[in-house]
Amino acid sequence: MLDPRQAVLDEIADLSRGDLEAVLRYYTDDVYFEDVTVPQPCRTKAEMRDFMAVFYRGFPDLHIDVRSCVACDGNTVVAEYDLMGTHNGEFVGHAPTGKSFRIKAVSVYEHDGELFTRETVYYDSASLFGQLGLPVGAA
C-alpha cells in the first residue's frame, strides 16, 4: 500500500462496483471490522465477507459517493461519504421494499503500511430503516 488514502478511494470504488472479493483484498486476514450499529464486530476477513454479503444481497446497486477522504496520522485514513442503494433483496429478514436510501456515513481505517487492519463504520441506522419503510431497530 503505497498511498493509504488512495487505497481507501480504490477500495470504495471496488465496493461501488459490487466486487466484494476485490474489496477484501485491501484487508488483513485478521481484520477488525466494526459497524457501530450492530453488537458484534467482525474479527476476521471471513466474518467481514459474510457481514458485507448481507448488504450486497439486500442492496444489489449499493454504491458510495465520497465527500472527503483524509490521511490523518501515520496509519489512519478517514472517509466521509454518502451510502446509497435500493432495497431489492432480502435484508436482515425483511423482504425487498423497492425503496431507495441515501445516508451519510464515516469510516475510519487503520493500516499496517500494506493492508487495512481495522475499519470502523459510523452511520445512522434509524435513518436507513426509516427510508426503507422498515421499523426502526429492526436489525
Protein backbone atom coordinates (compact mmCIF):
# COMPACT_ATOMS: atom_id res chain seq x y z
CA MET A 1 0.00 0.00 0.00
CA LEU A 2 1.94 2.98 -1.21
CA ASP A 3 -0.72 5.62 -0.56
CA PRO A 4 -3.27 4.66 2.14
CA ARG A 5 -5.65 7.48 1.14
CA GLN A 6 -5.68 6.29 -2.46
CA ALA A 7 -6.16 2.70 -1.25
CA VAL A 8 -9.32 3.80 0.60
CA LEU A 9 -10.63 5.51 -2.54
CA ASP A 10 -9.83 2.40 -4.60
CA GLU A 11 -11.50 0.10 -2.03
CA ILE A 12 -14.62 2.28 -2.09
CA ALA A 13 -14.66 2.19 -5.90
CA ASP A 14 -14.49 -1.63 -5.79
CA LEU A 15 -17.31 -1.65 -3.23
CA SER A 16 -19.43 0.55 -5.51
CA ARG A 17 -18.83 -1.90 -8.37
CA GLY A 18 -20.12 -4.70 -6.17
CA ASP A 19 -16.82 -6.57 -6.23
CA LEU A 20 -16.66 -7.99 -2.71
CA GLU A 21 -13.57 -10.11 -3.37
CA ALA A 22 -11.68 -7.06 -4.65
CA VAL A 23 -12.76 -5.11 -1.55
CA LEU A 24 -11.50 -7.83 0.77
CA ARG A 25 -8.02 -7.80 -0.84
CA TYR A 26 -7.36 -4.49 0.93
CA TYR A 27 -7.67 -6.10 4.39
CA THR A 28 -5.56 -8.39 6.57
CA ASP A 29 -6.92 -11.86 7.33
CA ASP A 30 -7.38 -10.85 10.98
CA VAL A 31 -9.05 -7.50 10.22
CA TYR A 32 -11.17 -5.91 12.94
CA PHE A 33 -14.25 -4.56 11.14
CA GLU A 34 -16.85 -2.78 13.22
CA ASP A 35 -20.22 -1.43 12.10
CA VAL A 36 -21.19 0.54 15.20
CA THR A 37 -24.90 -0.17 14.62
CA VAL A 38 -24.54 -3.90 15.32
CA PRO A 39 -23.49 -5.53 18.60
CA GLN A 40 -20.63 -7.74 17.37
CA PRO A 41 -17.63 -6.66 15.28
CA CYS A 42 -16.08 -8.88 12.66
CA ARG A 43 -12.68 -10.19 13.71
CA THR A 44 -11.61 -11.94 10.51
CA LYS A 45 -11.82 -11.37 6.79
CA ALA A 46 -14.23 -14.33 6.53
CA GLU A 47 -16.60 -12.72 9.06
CA MET A 48 -16.31 -9.41 7.21
CA ARG A 49 -17.17 -11.17 3.92
CA ASP A 50 -20.32 -12.68 5.47
CA PHE A 51 -21.35 -9.35 7.00
CA MET A 52 -20.86 -7.37 3.81
CA ALA A 53 -22.66 -10.01 1.75
CA VAL A 54 -25.85 -9.20 3.70
CA PHE A 55 -25.71 -5.64 2.32
CA TYR A 56 -24.88 -6.75 -1.23
CA ARG A 57 -27.84 -9.17 -1.22
CA GLY A 58 -30.22 -6.55 0.18
CA PHE A 59 -28.95 -3.71 -2.00
CA PRO A 60 -27.52 -5.06 -5.26
CA ASP A 61 -26.91 -1.50 -6.50
CA LEU A 62 -25.11 -0.41 -3.31
CA HIS A 63 -22.71 2.42 -4.02
CA ILE A 64 -20.83 5.24 -2.37
CA ASP A 65 -20.23 8.89 -3.22
CA VAL A 66 -17.14 10.09 -1.37
CA ARG A 67 -17.46 13.54 0.20
CA SER A 68 -13.93 13.67 1.61
CA CYS A 69 -11.04 11.36 2.36
CA VAL A 70 -8.20 12.45 4.61
CA ALA A 71 -5.00 10.72 5.69
CA CYS A 72 -4.51 11.58 9.35
CA ASP A 73 -1.63 10.34 11.48
CA GLY A 74 0.82 7.73 10.26
CA ASN A 75 -1.65 4.86 9.94
CA THR A 76 -5.20 6.32 9.85
CA VAL A 77 -7.42 7.42 6.98
CA VAL A 78 -10.93 8.85 7.42
CA ALA A 79 -13.55 8.83 4.66
CA GLU A 80 -16.85 10.71 4.76
CA TYR A 81 -19.38 9.56 2.20
CA ASP A 82 -22.97 9.04 1.15
CA LEU A 83 -24.06 5.39 1.08
CA MET A 84 -26.89 4.67 -1.35
CA GLY A 85 -28.87 1.73 -2.65
CA THR A 86 -32.23 0.24 -3.45
CA HIS A 87 -33.78 -2.46 -1.28
CA ASN A 88 -34.24 -5.11 -3.99
CA GLY A 89 -33.21 -8.17 -1.98
CA GLU A 90 -33.76 -9.63 1.47
CA PHE A 91 -32.10 -7.56 4.17
CA VAL A 92 -31.85 -8.78 7.78
CA GLY A 93 -35.01 -10.83 7.39
CA HIS A 94 -37.03 -8.16 5.56
CA ALA A 95 -38.46 -8.70 2.09
CA PRO A 96 -37.49 -6.13 -0.53
CA THR A 97 -39.42 -2.87 -0.38
CA GLY A 98 -38.08 -1.45 -3.65
CA LYS A 99 -37.30 1.78 -1.78
CA SER A 100 -34.04 3.64 -2.12
CA PHE A 101 -31.95 5.14 0.64
CA ARG A 102 -29.17 7.69 0.95
CA ILE A 103 -27.39 8.11 4.27
CA LYS A 104 -24.27 9.91 5.41
CA ALA A 105 -21.51 7.74 6.85
CA VAL A 106 -17.92 7.89 8.04
CA SER A 107 -15.32 5.13 8.02
CA VAL A 108 -12.08 5.22 9.97
CA TYR A 109 -9.41 2.93 8.53
CA GLU A 110 -6.16 1.82 10.14
CA HIS A 111 -3.38 0.21 8.12
CA ASP A 112 -0.09 -1.55 8.74
CA GLY A 113 1.69 0.01 5.76
CA GLU A 114 0.39 -2.63 3.38
CA LEU A 115 -3.19 -3.58 4.24
CA PHE A 116 -6.05 -2.32 6.38
CA THR A 117 -6.06 -3.88 9.83
CA ARG A 118 -9.18 -2.15 11.10
CA GLU A 119 -12.24 -0.28 9.85
CA THR A 120 -14.94 1.30 11.97
CA VAL A 121 -18.10 2.47 10.19
CA TYR A 122 -20.42 5.10 11.66
CA TYR A 123 -23.92 5.87 10.30
CA ASP A 124 -27.49 6.38 11.44
CA SER A 125 -29.28 3.03 11.07
CA ALA A 126 -32.60 4.63 12.10
CA SER A 127 -32.40 6.82 9.00
CA LEU A 128 -31.60 3.77 6.85
CA PHE A 129 -34.54 1.75 8.18
CA GLY A 130 -36.86 4.75 8.06
CA GLN A 131 -36.10 5.45 4.40
CA LEU A 132 -36.80 1.80 3.59
CA GLY A 133 -40.14 1.89 5.43
CA LEU A 134 -38.94 -0.69 7.94
CA PRO A 135 -39.43 -0.46 11.68
CA VAL A 136 -36.52 1.33 13.33
CA GLY A 137 -34.44 -1.09 15.32
CA ALA A 138 -35.46 -3.96 13.06
CA ALA A 139 -31.92 -5.26 12.58
